[in-house]
Amino acid sequence: MEERLQKILASAGVASRRKAELIITEGRVTVNGKVVTELGTKADFERDHIKVDGKLLRDTAEHIYIALNKPDSVVSTVSDPQRRTTVLDLLPGIRTRVFRLGGSIITARA
């Protein structure tokens, strides 16, 4: 199934959708050997060979969803410049990239 390239990159854990857009416009993505710089370009992850910085994207394991009832003293972010306790601090041992979705957290295995 074809999807926008930035969505494919985000789903594969390369970057957020916004950062994936930047990666695409910088010419760092190829689809079937052709450099793609136009946003909105579609590809099929299962059929097309998609590379970022020369590395072929591989299918990641299925996503793991964690519903978290966080304490009020914990901030709902994965990074805090003020060094407050974050939701990641409540998930010791998870080494993969974690994406926050409101009160829930999703992580994809590497």
Protein backbone atom coordinates (compact mmCIF):
# COMPACT_ATOMS: atom_id res chain seq x y z
CA MET A 1 0.00 0.00 0.00
CA GLU A 2 1.43 3.36 -0.98
CA GLU A 3 1.90 6.00 1.70
CA ARG A 4 3.60 9.37 1.86
CA LEU A 5 7.33 8.92 2.24
CA GLN A 6 7.57 11.05 5.39
CA LYS A 7 4.98 8.81 7.05
CA ILE A 8 6.97 5.71 6.08
CA LEU A 9 10.16 7.21 7.53
CA ALA A 10 8.39 8.14 10.76
CA SER A 11 6.81 4.70 11.08
CA ALA A 12 10.21 3.09 10.57
CA GLY A 13 11.59 5.15 13.45
CA VAL A 14 13.95 7.25 11.34
CA ALA A 15 12.58 10.58 12.57
CA SER A 16 9.37 12.42 13.34
CA ARG A 17 7.25 13.31 10.32
CA ARG A 18 8.45 16.92 10.39
CA LYS A 19 12.10 15.88 10.59
CA ALA A 20 11.47 13.27 7.89
CA GLU A 21 10.24 16.08 5.63
CA LEU A 22 13.53 17.88 6.16
CA ILE A 23 15.51 14.71 5.44
CA ILE A 24 13.57 14.30 2.18
CA THR A 25 14.03 17.89 1.03
CA GLU A 26 17.77 17.63 1.78
CA GLY A 27 17.99 14.84 -0.81
CA ARG A 28 19.00 12.16 1.69
CA VAL A 29 16.29 9.67 0.64
CA THR A 30 16.24 7.39 -2.37
CA VAL A 31 13.39 5.22 -3.62
CA ASN A 32 14.45 2.44 -5.97
CA GLY A 33 17.76 4.23 -6.55
CA LYS A 34 16.23 7.61 -7.41
CA VAL A 35 16.79 10.61 -5.10
CA VAL A 36 13.49 12.01 -3.83
CA THR A 37 13.25 15.64 -2.73
CA GLU A 38 9.56 16.36 -3.30
CA LEU A 39 7.27 16.21 -0.28
CA GLY A 40 4.15 14.14 -0.75
CA THR A 41 5.94 11.52 -2.83
CA LYS A 42 4.40 8.13 -2.21
CA ALA A 43 6.06 4.75 -1.92
CA ASP A 44 5.20 1.22 -0.88
CA PHE A 45 7.38 0.03 1.98
CA GLU A 46 6.87 -3.62 1.04
CA ARG A 47 7.66 -3.23 -2.69
CA ASP A 48 10.05 -0.28 -2.94
CA HIS A 49 13.68 -0.08 -1.81
CA ILE A 50 13.80 3.00 0.40
CA LYS A 51 17.17 4.23 1.64
CA VAL A 52 18.08 7.06 4.00
CA ASP A 53 21.69 8.19 3.85
CA GLY A 54 22.45 5.03 1.88
CA LYS A 55 20.95 2.66 4.47
CA LEU A 56 18.06 0.45 3.41
CA LEU A 57 15.01 0.71 5.63
CA ARG A 58 14.10 -2.62 7.13
CA ASP A 59 10.77 -3.71 8.47
CA THR A 60 10.72 -3.16 12.20
CA ALA A 61 8.96 -5.43 14.62
CA GLU A 62 5.41 -4.54 15.43
CA HIS A 63 4.75 -1.54 17.63
CA ILE A 64 4.31 -1.95 21.34
CA TYR A 65 1.67 0.25 22.95
CA ILE A 66 1.98 1.18 26.60
CA ALA A 67 -0.93 2.87 28.36
CA LEU A 68 0.53 4.93 31.17
CA ASN A 69 -1.30 6.59 34.04
CA LYS A 70 1.41 9.07 34.91
CA PRO A 71 1.68 10.90 38.22
CA ASP A 72 0.94 14.65 38.15
CA SER A 73 4.59 15.41 38.93
CA VAL A 74 5.77 13.76 35.67
CA VAL A 75 5.77 15.70 32.38
CA SER A 76 4.37 14.10 29.21
CA THR A 77 7.41 14.46 27.03
CA VAL A 78 10.40 12.34 26.13
CA SER A 79 12.87 15.14 26.73
CA ASP A 80 12.74 18.12 29.10
CA PRO A 81 15.31 20.94 29.06
CA GLN A 82 14.31 21.80 32.63
CA ARG A 83 15.37 18.28 33.69
CA ARG A 84 12.03 17.39 35.26
CA THR A 85 10.96 13.75 35.52
CA THR A 86 9.57 12.61 32.16
CA VAL A 87 7.49 9.63 31.08
CA LEU A 88 10.70 7.99 29.83
CA ASP A 89 12.03 8.02 33.37
CA LEU A 90 9.10 5.76 34.26
CA LEU A 91 10.14 3.23 31.60
CA PRO A 92 13.62 2.06 32.55
CA GLY A 93 15.17 -0.56 30.31
CA ILE A 94 13.41 0.43 27.09
CA ARG A 95 16.20 1.07 24.61
CA THR A 96 14.21 1.74 21.45
CA ARG A 97 12.86 5.06 20.25
CA VAL A 98 9.74 6.06 22.14
CA PHE A 99 6.95 8.23 20.73
CA ARG A 100 4.49 9.97 23.01
CA LEU A 101 0.83 9.96 21.98
CA GLY A 102 -1.12 12.02 24.48
CA GLY A 103 -1.40 10.01 27.67
CA SER A 104 -0.10 6.88 25.93
CA ILE A 105 3.31 5.95 24.67
CA ILE A 106 4.22 3.92 21.60
CA THR A 107 7.59 2.40 20.93
CA ALA A 108 8.92 0.40 17.98
CA ARG A 109 11.49 -2.30 18.45
CA ALA A 110 14.77 -1.69 16.68
